[in-house]
Amino acid sequence: MKIAIPSSDKSIEAELDDRFGRCPYFCFYDQKKGTTEFKENKLKDGSGGIGPQVAEFLGEHKIDILYTREVGPKAADVLNKLGIKISSVNTNSTIKEIIETIH
């Protein structure tokens, strides 16, 4: 299972970023392999309508679950159509702490 987490930096010690569509990085965690990879969110500085485009980006990377604080309705629609589950995170956790709760 591949998991995406919006990250404030490209480190597992970084905090979960509040902004789904405008986060600087995504941590991709492959639960089966136990590996993490950070991808820059190159869409973060675009003009309006970023959420659905970022959702498509996650779909291109075969993400199964998105752990995030919040997703707008248009992005949520795209995520749902792509079969990507949305799991809400309501804490100021680090990427490492979120990954540890997944195990």
PDB file of N, CA and C in Angstrom:
ATOM      1  N   MET A   1       0.840  -1.169   0.000  1.00  0.00           N
ATOM      2  CA  MET A   1       0.000   0.000   0.000  1.00  0.00           C
ATOM      3  C   MET A   1       0.891   1.240   0.000  1.00  0.00           C
ATOM      4  N   LYS A   2       0.599   2.193  -0.889  1.00  0.00           N
ATOM      5  CA  LYS A   2       1.369   3.431  -0.959  1.00  0.00           C
ATOM      6  C   LYS A   2       0.577   4.570  -0.322  1.00  0.00           C
ATOM      7  N   ILE A   3       1.264   5.276   0.545  1.00  0.00           N
ATOM      8  CA  ILE A   3       0.655   6.340   1.340  1.00  0.00           C
ATOM      9  C   ILE A   3       1.331   7.667   1.018  1.00  0.00           C
ATOM     10  N   ALA A   4       0.546   8.734   0.928  1.00  0.00           N
ATOM     11  CA  ALA A   4       1.080  10.084   0.725  1.00  0.00           C
ATOM     12  C   ALA A   4       0.764  10.930   1.950  1.00  0.00           C
ATOM     13  N   ILE A   5       1.762  11.741   2.352  1.00  0.00           N
ATOM     14  CA  ILE A   5       1.600  12.640   3.489  1.00  0.00           C
ATOM     15  C   ILE A   5       2.174  13.998   3.095  1.00  0.00           C
ATOM     16  N   PRO A   6       1.376  15.100   3.150  1.00  0.00           N
ATOM     17  CA  PRO A   6       1.917  16.421   2.863  1.00  0.00           C
ATOM     18  C   PRO A   6       2.975  16.773   3.909  1.00  0.00           C
ATOM     19  N   SER A   7       4.145  17.191   3.459  1.00  0.00           N
ATOM     20  CA  SER A   7       5.266  17.429   4.362  1.00  0.00           C
ATOM     21  C   SER A   7       5.812  18.847   4.221  1.00  0.00           C
ATOM     22  N   SER A   8       6.242  19.410   5.356  1.00  0.00           N
ATOM     23  CA  SER A   8       6.809  20.762   5.350  1.00  0.00           C
ATOM     24  C   SER A   8       8.251  20.778   4.858  1.00  0.00           C
ATOM     25  N   ASP A   9       8.895  19.606   4.795  1.00  0.00           N
ATOM     26  CA  ASP A   9      10.275  19.497   4.329  1.00  0.00           C
ATOM     27  C   ASP A   9      10.496  18.065   3.837  1.00  0.00           C
ATOM     28  N   LYS A  10      11.641  17.799   3.267  1.00  0.00           N
ATOM     29  CA  LYS A  10      11.890  16.444   2.761  1.00  0.00           C
ATOM     30  C   LYS A  10      12.684  15.620   3.773  1.00  0.00           C
ATOM     31  N   SER A  11      12.072  15.416   4.927  1.00  0.00           N
ATOM     32  CA  SER A  11      12.664  14.643   6.011  1.00  0.00           C
ATOM     33  C   SER A  11      11.552  14.000   6.826  1.00  0.00           C
ATOM     34  N   ILE A  12      11.785  12.798   7.331  1.00  0.00           N
ATOM     35  CA  ILE A  12      10.750  12.170   8.157  1.00  0.00           C
ATOM     36  C   ILE A  12      10.591  12.893   9.494  1.00  0.00           C
ATOM     37  N   GLU A  13      11.539  13.757   9.837  1.00  0.00           N
ATOM     38  CA  GLU A  13      11.431  14.560  11.060  1.00  0.00           C
ATOM     39  C   GLU A  13      10.590  15.825  10.831  1.00  0.00           C
ATOM     40  N   ALA A  14      10.252  16.116   9.591  1.00  0.00           N
ATOM     41  CA  ALA A  14       9.452  17.302   9.261  1.00  0.00           C
ATOM     42  C   ALA A  14       8.027  17.127   9.761  1.00  0.00           C
ATOM     43  N   GLU A  15       7.344  18.240   9.951  1.00  0.00           N
ATOM     44  CA  GLU A  15       5.948  18.189  10.379  1.00  0.00           C
ATOM     45  C   GLU A  15       5.018  18.023   9.186  1.00  0.00           C
ATOM     46  N   LEU A  16       3.868  17.433   9.484  1.00  0.00           N
ATOM     47  CA  LEU A  16       2.785  17.367   8.513  1.00  0.00           C
ATOM     48  C   LEU A  16       2.457  18.795   8.101  1.00  0.00           C
ATOM     49  N   ASP A  17       2.365  19.055   6.810  1.00  0.00           N
ATOM     50  CA  ASP A  17       2.028  20.395   6.338  1.00  0.00           C
ATOM     51  C   ASP A  17       0.518  20.563   6.330  1.00  0.00           C
ATOM     52  N   ASP A  18       0.045  21.723   6.770  1.00  0.00           N
ATOM     53  CA  ASP A  18      -1.390  22.009   6.840  1.00  0.00           C
ATOM     54  C   ASP A  18      -2.043  22.080   5.466  1.00  0.00           C
ATOM     55  N   ARG A  19      -1.269  22.394   4.448  1.00  0.00           N
ATOM     56  CA  ARG A  19      -1.820  22.696   3.132  1.00  0.00           C
ATOM     57  C   ARG A  19      -1.648  21.523   2.186  1.00  0.00           C
ATOM     58  N   PHE A  20      -2.725  20.843   1.867  1.00  0.00           N
ATOM     59  CA  PHE A  20      -2.651  19.709   0.944  1.00  0.00           C
ATOM     60  C   PHE A  20      -2.112  20.141  -0.413  1.00  0.00           C
ATOM     61  N   GLY A  21      -2.776  21.047  -1.071  1.00  0.00           N
ATOM     62  CA  GLY A  21      -2.397  21.436  -2.426  1.00  0.00           C
ATOM     63  C   GLY A  21      -1.164  22.307  -2.511  1.00  0.00           C
ATOM     64  N   ARG A  22      -0.828  22.976  -1.438  1.00  0.00           N
ATOM     65  CA  ARG A  22       0.282  23.926  -1.460  1.00  0.00           C
ATOM     66  C   ARG A  22       1.465  23.492  -0.597  1.00  0.00           C
ATOM     67  N   CYS A  23       1.456  22.243  -0.152  1.00  0.00           N
ATOM     68  CA  CYS A  23       2.585  21.763   0.643  1.00  0.00           C
ATOM     69  C   CYS A  23       3.837  21.730  -0.236  1.00  0.00           C
ATOM     70  N   PRO A  24       5.021  21.960   0.348  1.00  0.00           N
ATOM     71  CA  PRO A  24       6.238  21.944  -0.458  1.00  0.00           C
ATOM     72  C   PRO A  24       6.639  20.544  -0.943  1.00  0.00           C
ATOM     73  N   TYR A  25       6.328  19.518  -0.133  1.00  0.00           N
ATOM     74  CA  TYR A  25       6.727  18.147  -0.468  1.00  0.00           C
ATOM     75  C   TYR A  25       5.632  17.163  -0.078  1.00  0.00           C
ATOM     76  N   PHE A  26       5.696  15.986  -0.679  1.00  0.00           N
ATOM     77  CA  PHE A  26       4.902  14.848  -0.240  1.00  0.00           C
ATOM     78  C   PHE A  26       5.860  13.744   0.151  1.00  0.00           C
ATOM     79  N   CYS A  27       5.577  13.116   1.275  1.00  0.00           N
ATOM     80  CA  CYS A  27       6.281  11.902   1.635  1.00  0.00           C
ATOM     81  C   CYS A  27       5.456  10.745   1.080  1.00  0.00           C
ATOM     82  N   PHE A  28       6.074   9.912   0.277  1.00  0.00           N
ATOM     83  CA  PHE A  28       5.439   8.694  -0.220  1.00  0.00           C
ATOM     84  C   PHE A  28       6.007   7.541   0.589  1.00  0.00           C
ATOM     85  N   TYR A  29       5.158   6.888   1.326  1.00  0.00           N
ATOM     86  CA  TYR A  29       5.569   5.768   2.163  1.00  0.00           C
ATOM     87  C   TYR A  29       4.998   4.490   1.575  1.00  0.00           C
ATOM     88  N   ASP A  30       5.868   3.566   1.250  1.00  0.00           N
ATOM     89  CA  ASP A  30       5.449   2.266   0.722  1.00  0.00           C
ATOM     90  C   ASP A  30       5.393   1.306   1.905  1.00  0.00           C
ATOM     91  N   GLN A  31       4.194   1.017   2.349  1.00  0.00           N
ATOM     92  CA  GLN A  31       4.002   0.200   3.547  1.00  0.00           C
ATOM     93  C   GLN A  31       4.540  -1.218   3.352  1.00  0.00           C
ATOM     94  N   LYS A  32       4.391  -1.764   2.184  1.00  0.00           N
ATOM     95  CA  LYS A  32       4.852  -3.126   1.912  1.00  0.00           C
ATOM     96  C   LYS A  32       6.378  -3.220   1.997  1.00  0.00           C
ATOM     97  N   LYS A  33       7.062  -2.238   1.416  1.00  0.00           N
ATOM     98  CA  LYS A  33       8.524  -2.241   1.393  1.00  0.00           C
ATOM     99  C   LYS A  33       9.138  -1.554   2.619  1.00  0.00           C
ATOM    100  N   GLY A  34       8.341  -0.720   3.313  1.00  0.00           N
ATOM    101  CA  GLY A  34       8.860   0.032   4.457  1.00  0.00           C
ATOM    102  C   GLY A  34       9.787   1.164   4.046  1.00  0.00           C
ATOM    103  N   THR A  35       9.585   1.703   2.834  1.00  0.00           N
ATOM    104  CA  THR A  35      10.458   2.764   2.335  1.00  0.00           C
ATOM    105  C   THR A  35       9.728   4.103   2.248  1.00  0.00           C
ATOM    106  N   THR A  36      10.496   5.177   2.362  1.00  0.00           N
ATOM    107  CA  THR A  36       9.951   6.522   2.181  1.00  0.00           C
ATOM    108  C   THR A  36      10.702   7.217   1.045  1.00  0.00           C
ATOM    109  N   GLU A  37       9.962   8.062   0.351  1.00  0.00           N
ATOM    110  CA  GLU A  37      10.528   8.858  -0.732  1.00  0.00           C
ATOM    111  C   GLU A  37       9.829  10.212  -0.689  1.00  0.00           C
ATOM    112  N   PHE A  38      10.588  11.276  -0.875  1.00  0.00           N
ATOM    113  CA  PHE A  38      10.010  12.615  -0.871  1.00  0.00           C
ATOM    114  C   PHE A  38      10.004  13.168  -2.285  1.00  0.00           C
ATOM    115  N   LYS A  39       8.832  13.697  -2.669  1.00  0.00           N
ATOM    116  CA  LYS A  39       8.659  14.311  -3.989  1.00  0.00           C
ATOM    117  C   LYS A  39       8.267  15.759  -3.798  1.00  0.00           C
ATOM    118  N   GLU A  40       8.911  16.638  -4.549  1.00  0.00           N
ATOM    119  CA  GLU A  40       8.554  18.052  -4.506  1.00  0.00           C
ATOM    120  C   GLU A  40       7.178  18.244  -5.129  1.00  0.00           C
ATOM    121  N   ASN A  41       6.380  19.100  -4.514  1.00  0.00           N
ATOM    122  CA  ASN A  41       5.079  19.463  -5.071  1.00  0.00           C
ATOM    123  C   ASN A  41       5.294  20.650  -5.998  1.00  0.00           C
ATOM    124  N   LYS A  42       5.515  20.379  -7.257  1.00  0.00           N
ATOM    125  CA  LYS A  42       5.815  21.431  -8.228  1.00  0.00           C
ATOM    126  C   LYS A  42       4.595  22.273  -8.580  1.00  0.00           C
ATOM    127  N   LEU A  43       3.434  21.857  -8.107  1.00  0.00           N
ATOM    128  CA  LEU A  43       2.199  22.597  -8.382  1.00  0.00           C
ATOM    129  C   LEU A  43       1.888  23.637  -7.308  1.00  0.00           C
ATOM    130  N   LYS A  44       2.640  23.652  -6.222  1.00  0.00           N
ATOM    131  CA  LYS A  44       2.326  24.457  -5.037  1.00  0.00           C
ATOM    132  C   LYS A  44       2.210  25.959  -5.300  1.00  0.00           C
ATOM    133  N   ASP A  45       2.915  26.472  -6.297  1.00  0.00           N
ATOM    134  CA  ASP A  45       2.900  27.911  -6.552  1.00  0.00           C
ATOM    135  C   ASP A  45       1.966  28.321  -7.681  1.00  0.00           C
ATOM    136  N   GLY A  46       1.198  27.404  -8.190  1.00  0.00           N
ATOM    137  CA  GLY A  46       0.287  27.697  -9.292  1.00  0.00           C
ATOM    138  C   GLY A  46      -0.885  28.557  -8.850  1.00  0.00           C
ATOM    139  N   SER A  47      -1.619  29.064  -9.812  1.00  0.00           N
ATOM    140  CA  SER A  47      -2.812  29.850  -9.479  1.00  0.00           C
ATOM    141  C   SER A  47      -3.959  28.900  -9.153  1.00  0.00           C
ATOM    142  N   GLY A  48      -5.119  29.416  -8.813  1.00  0.00           N
ATOM    143  CA  GLY A  48      -6.268  28.656  -8.331  1.00  0.00           C
ATOM    144  C   GLY A  48      -6.485  27.282  -8.937  1.00  0.00           C
ATOM    145  N   GLY A  49      -7.220  26.457  -8.213  1.00  0.00           N
ATOM    146  CA  GLY A  49      -7.553  25.126  -8.691  1.00  0.00           C
ATOM    147  C   GLY A  49      -6.437  24.107  -8.561  1.00  0.00           C
ATOM    148  N   ILE A  50      -5.563  24.305  -7.603  1.00  0.00           N
ATOM    149  CA  ILE A  50      -4.396  23.429  -7.421  1.00  0.00           C
ATOM    150  C   ILE A  50      -4.797  22.055  -6.879  1.00  0.00           C
ATOM    151  N   GLY A  51      -5.746  21.999  -5.950  1.00  0.00           N
ATOM    152  CA  GLY A  51      -6.116  20.746  -5.291  1.00  0.00           C
ATOM    153  C   GLY A  51      -6.387  19.585  -6.232  1.00  0.00           C
ATOM    154  N   PRO A  52      -7.269  19.756  -7.225  1.00  0.00           N
ATOM    155  CA  PRO A  52      -7.530  18.658  -8.156  1.00  0.00           C
ATOM    156  C   PRO A  52      -6.295  18.235  -8.952  1.00  0.00           C
ATOM    157  N   GLN A  53      -5.439  19.198  -9.294  1.00  0.00           N
ATOM    158  CA  GLN A  53      -4.215  18.863 -10.031  1.00  0.00           C
ATOM    159  C   GLN A  53      -3.268  18.048  -9.155  1.00  0.00           C
ATOM    160  N   VAL A  54      -3.173  18.414  -7.880  1.00  0.00           N
ATOM    161  CA  VAL A  54      -2.323  17.665  -6.948  1.00  0.00           C
ATOM    162  C   VAL A  54      -2.903  16.266  -6.734  1.00  0.00           C
ATOM    163  N   ALA A  55      -4.217  16.159  -6.689  1.00  0.00           N
ATOM    164  CA  ALA A  55      -4.857  14.848  -6.568  1.00  0.00           C
ATOM    165  C   ALA A  55      -4.478  13.964  -7.764  1.00  0.00           C
ATOM    166  N   GLU A  56      -4.476  14.529  -8.970  1.00  0.00           N
ATOM    167  CA  GLU A  56      -4.053  13.790 -10.170  1.00  0.00           C
ATOM    168  C   GLU A  56      -2.591  13.355 -10.048  1.00  0.00           C
ATOM    169  N   PHE A  57      -1.748  14.232  -9.510  1.00  0.00           N
ATOM    170  CA  PHE A  57      -0.332  13.920  -9.276  1.00  0.00           C
ATOM    171  C   PHE A  57      -0.197  12.691  -8.375  1.00  0.00           C
ATOM    172  N   LEU A  58      -1.003  12.636  -7.318  1.00  0.00           N
ATOM    173  CA  LEU A  58      -0.969  11.476  -6.417  1.00  0.00           C
ATOM    174  C   LEU A  58      -1.449  10.219  -7.139  1.00  0.00           C
ATOM    175  N   GLY A  59      -2.457  10.371  -7.987  1.00  0.00           N
ATOM    176  CA  GLY A  59      -2.943   9.243  -8.768  1.00  0.00           C
ATOM    177  C   GLY A  59      -1.878   8.692  -9.709  1.00  0.00           C
ATOM    178  N   GLU A  60      -1.095   9.596 -10.301  1.00  0.00           N
ATOM    179  CA  GLU A  60      -0.008   9.180 -11.196  1.00  0.00           C
ATOM    180  C   GLU A  60       1.042   8.351 -10.455  1.00  0.00           C
ATOM    181  N   HIS A  61       1.156   8.590  -9.149  1.00  0.00           N
ATOM    182  CA  HIS A  61       2.135   7.859  -8.339  1.00  0.00           C
ATOM    183  C   HIS A  61       1.519   6.647  -7.628  1.00  0.00           C
ATOM    184  N   LYS A  62       0.315   6.283  -8.043  1.00  0.00           N
ATOM    185  CA  LYS A  62      -0.349   5.062  -7.537  1.00  0.00           C
ATOM    186  C   LYS A  62      -0.533   5.066  -6.015  1.00  0.00           C
ATOM    187  N   ILE A  63      -0.911   6.216  -5.479  1.00  0.00           N
ATOM    188  CA  ILE A  63      -1.148   6.341  -4.044  1.00  0.00           C
ATOM    189  C   ILE A  63      -2.481   5.675  -3.695  1.00  0.00           C
ATOM    190  N   ASP A  64      -2.498   4.971  -2.562  1.00  0.00           N
ATOM    191  CA  ASP A  64      -3.715   4.312  -2.088  1.00  0.00           C
ATOM    192  C   ASP A  64      -4.429   5.124  -1.011  1.00  0.00           C
ATOM    193  N   ILE A  65      -3.640   5.760  -0.130  1.00  0.00           N
ATOM    194  CA  ILE A  65      -4.216   6.527   0.981  1.00  0.00           C
ATOM    195  C   ILE A  65      -3.459   7.842   1.139  1.00  0.00           C
ATOM    196  N   LEU A  66      -4.206   8.909   1.389  1.00  0.00           N
ATOM    197  CA  LEU A  66      -3.636  10.219   1.687  1.00  0.00           C
ATOM    198  C   LEU A  66      -3.921  10.535   3.149  1.00  0.00           C
ATOM    199  N   TYR A  67      -2.878  10.758   3.923  1.00  0.00           N
ATOM    200  CA  TYR A  67      -3.021  11.228   5.303  1.00  0.00           C
ATOM    201  C   TYR A  67      -2.823  12.727   5.289  1.00  0.00           C
ATOM    202  N   THR A  68      -3.852  13.476   5.701  1.00  0.00           N
ATOM    203  CA  THR A  68      -3.791  14.930   5.623  1.00  0.00           C
ATOM    204  C   THR A  68      -4.738  15.545   6.644  1.00  0.00           C
ATOM    205  N   ARG A  69      -4.571  16.837   6.890  1.00  0.00           N
ATOM    206  CA  ARG A  69      -5.486  17.540   7.788  1.00  0.00           C
ATOM    207  C   ARG A  69      -6.798  17.857   7.097  1.00  0.00           C
ATOM    208  N   GLU A  70      -6.683  18.323   5.850  1.00  0.00           N
ATOM    209  CA  GLU A  70      -7.878  18.826   5.162  1.00  0.00           C
ATOM    210  C   GLU A  70      -7.682  18.768   3.653  1.00  0.00           C
ATOM    211  N   VAL A  71      -8.763  18.503   2.949  1.00  0.00           N
ATOM    212  CA  VAL A  71      -8.762  18.500   1.482  1.00  0.00           C
ATOM    213  C   VAL A  71     -10.021  19.227   1.038  1.00  0.00           C
ATOM    214  N   GLY A  72      -9.872  20.106   0.066  1.00  0.00           N
ATOM    215  CA  GLY A  72     -11.031  20.808  -0.459  1.00  0.00           C
ATOM    216  C   GLY A  72     -11.970  19.868  -1.196  1.00  0.00           C
ATOM    217  N   PRO A  73     -13.223  20.300  -1.410  1.00  0.00           N
ATOM    218  CA  PRO A  73     -14.222  19.423  -2.027  1.00  0.00           C
ATOM    219  C   PRO A  73     -13.881  18.991  -3.453  1.00  0.00           C
ATOM    220  N   LYS A  74     -13.297  19.865  -4.247  1.00  0.00           N
ATOM    221  CA  LYS A  74     -12.957  19.500  -5.633  1.00  0.00           C
ATOM    222  C   LYS A  74     -11.822  18.475  -5.654  1.00  0.00           C
ATOM    223  N   ALA A  75     -10.829  18.682  -4.793  1.00  0.00           N
ATOM    224  CA  ALA A  75      -9.728  17.717  -4.707  1.00  0.00           C
ATOM    225  C   ALA A  75     -10.245  16.383  -4.174  1.00  0.00           C
ATOM    226  N   ALA A  76     -11.135  16.439  -3.187  1.00  0.00           N
ATOM    227  CA  ALA A  76     -11.705  15.207  -2.624  1.00  0.00           C
ATOM    228  C   ALA A  76     -12.459  14.426  -3.695  1.00  0.00           C
ATOM    229  N   ASP A  77     -13.179  15.128  -4.569  1.00  0.00           N
ATOM    230  CA  ASP A  77     -13.895  14.452  -5.661  1.00  0.00           C
ATOM    231  C   ASP A  77     -12.926  13.696  -6.568  1.00  0.00           C
ATOM    232  N   VAL A  78     -11.822  14.349  -6.923  1.00  0.00           N
ATOM    233  CA  VAL A  78     -10.836  13.712  -7.794  1.00  0.00           C
ATOM    234  C   VAL A  78     -10.193  12.521  -7.084  1.00  0.00           C
ATOM    235  N   LEU A  79      -9.828  12.711  -5.818  1.00  0.00           N
ATOM    236  CA  LEU A  79      -9.228  11.612  -5.051  1.00  0.00           C
ATOM    237  C   LEU A  79     -10.176  10.414  -4.999  1.00  0.00           C
ATOM    238  N   ASN A  80     -11.449  10.686  -4.747  1.00  0.00           N
ATOM    239  CA  ASN A  80     -12.443   9.605  -4.694  1.00  0.00           C
ATOM    240  C   ASN A  80     -12.549   8.887  -6.036  1.00  0.00           C
ATOM    241  N   LYS A  81     -12.568   9.651  -7.124  1.00  0.00           N
ATOM    242  CA  LYS A  81     -12.667   9.050  -8.456  1.00  0.00           C
ATOM    243  C   LYS A  81     -11.446   8.186  -8.771  1.00  0.00           C
ATOM    244  N   LEU A  82     -10.299   8.566  -8.205  1.00  0.00           N
ATOM    245  CA  LEU A  82      -9.067   7.814  -8.433  1.00  0.00           C
ATOM    246  C   LEU A  82      -8.926   6.638  -7.467  1.00  0.00           C
ATOM    247  N   GLY A  83      -9.858   6.525  -6.526  1.00  0.00           N
ATOM    248  CA  GLY A  83      -9.796   5.430  -5.556  1.00  0.00           C
ATOM    249  C   GLY A  83      -8.798   5.656  -4.432  1.00  0.00           C
ATOM    250  N   ILE A  84      -8.419   6.917  -4.204  1.00  0.00           N
ATOM    251  CA  ILE A  84      -7.482   7.242  -3.135  1.00  0.00           C
ATOM    252  C   ILE A  84      -8.278   7.594  -1.884  1.00  0.00           C
ATOM    253  N   LYS A  85      -8.077   6.814  -0.829  1.00  0.00           N
ATOM    254  CA  LYS A  85      -8.770   7.037   0.436  1.00  0.00           C
ATOM    255  C   LYS A  85      -8.138   8.240   1.153  1.00  0.00           C
ATOM    256  N   ILE A  86      -8.976   9.026   1.816  1.00  0.00           N
ATOM    257  CA  ILE A  86      -8.511  10.178   2.584  1.00  0.00           C
ATOM    258  C   ILE A  86      -8.628   9.840   4.058  1.00  0.00           C
ATOM    259  N   SER A  87      -7.508   9.950   4.771  1.00  0.00           N
ATOM    260  CA  SER A  87      -7.500   9.701   6.206  1.00  0.00           C
ATOM    261  C   SER A  87      -7.113  10.997   6.912  1.00  0.00           C
ATOM    262  N   SER A  88      -8.003  11.504   7.776  1.00  0.00           N
ATOM    263  CA  SER A  88      -7.756  12.775   8.456  1.00  0.00           C
ATOM    264  C   SER A  88      -6.762  12.624   9.597  1.00  0.00           C
ATOM    265  N   VAL A  89      -5.858  13.578   9.681  1.00  0.00           N
ATOM    266  CA  VAL A  89      -4.876  13.652  10.763  1.00  0.00           C
ATOM    267  C   VAL A  89      -5.130  14.968  11.484  1.00  0.00           C
ATOM    268  N   ASN A  90      -5.394  14.913  12.771  1.00  0.00           N
ATOM    269  CA  ASN A  90      -5.748  16.123  13.517  1.00  0.00           C
ATOM    270  C   ASN A  90      -4.717  16.531  14.547  1.00  0.00           C
ATOM    271  N   THR A  91      -3.448  16.232  14.288  1.00  0.00           N
ATOM    272  CA  THR A  91      -2.413  16.587  15.260  1.00  0.00           C
ATOM    273  C   THR A  91      -1.267  17.300  14.562  1.00  0.00           C
ATOM    274  N   ASN A  92      -0.364  17.830  15.361  1.00  0.00           N
ATOM    275  CA  ASN A  92       0.852  18.444  14.830  1.00  0.00           C
ATOM    276  C   ASN A  92       1.958  17.398  14.798  1.00  0.00           C
ATOM    277  N   SER A  93       1.706  16.308  14.146  1.00  0.00           N
ATOM    278  CA  SER A  93       2.633  15.187  14.112  1.00  0.00           C
ATOM    279  C   SER A  93       3.741  15.398  13.091  1.00  0.00           C
ATOM    280  N   THR A  94       4.846  14.697  13.308  1.00  0.00           N
ATOM    281  CA  THR A  94       5.896  14.633  12.298  1.00  0.00           C
ATOM    282  C   THR A  94       5.536  13.511  11.326  1.00  0.00           C
ATOM    283  N   ILE A  95       6.210  13.511  10.204  1.00  0.00           N
ATOM    284  CA  ILE A  95       5.993  12.450   9.228  1.00  0.00           C
ATOM    285  C   ILE A  95       6.316  11.098   9.871  1.00  0.00           C
ATOM    286  N   LYS A  96       7.392  11.046  10.619  1.00  0.00           N
ATOM    287  CA  LYS A  96       7.804   9.811  11.297  1.00  0.00           C
ATOM    288  C   LYS A  96       6.707   9.305  12.239  1.00  0.00           C
ATOM    289  N   GLU A  97       6.116  10.209  13.020  1.00  0.00           N
ATOM    290  CA  GLU A  97       5.061   9.812  13.957  1.00  0.00           C
ATOM    291  C   GLU A  97       3.832   9.273  13.221  1.00  0.00           C
ATOM    292  N   ILE A  98       3.484   9.880  12.113  1.00  0.00           N
ATOM    293  CA  ILE A  98       2.339   9.402  11.332  1.00  0.00           C
ATOM    294  C   ILE A  98       2.636   8.004  10.782  1.00  0.00           C
ATOM    295  N   ILE A  99       3.834   7.821  10.225  1.00  0.00           N
ATOM    296  CA  ILE A  99       4.206   6.513   9.703  1.00  0.00           C
ATOM    297  C   ILE A  99       4.161   5.460  10.796  1.00  0.00           C
ATOM    298  N   GLU A 100       4.623   5.812  11.989  1.00  0.00           N
ATOM    299  CA  GLU A 100       4.631   4.859  13.105  1.00  0.00           C
ATOM    300  C   GLU A 100       3.199   4.444  13.495  1.00  0.00           C
ATOM    301  N   THR A 101       2.231   5.310  13.334  1.00  0.00           N
ATOM    302  CA  THR A 101       0.850   4.961  13.672  1.00  0.00           C
ATOM    303  C   THR A 101       0.219   4.049  12.619  1.00  0.00           C
ATOM    304  N   ILE A 102       0.792   4.023  11.430  1.00  0.00           N
ATOM    305  CA  ILE A 102       0.268   3.211  10.335  1.00  0.00           C
ATOM    306  C   ILE A 102       0.594   1.741  10.539  1.00  0.00           C
ATOM    307  N   HIS A 103       1.724   1.462  11.143  1.00  0.00           N
ATOM    308  CA  HIS A 103       2.177   0.052  11.312  1.00  0.00           C
ATOM    309  C   HIS A 103       1.215  -0.759  12.097  1.00  0.00           C
TER     310      HIS A 103
END
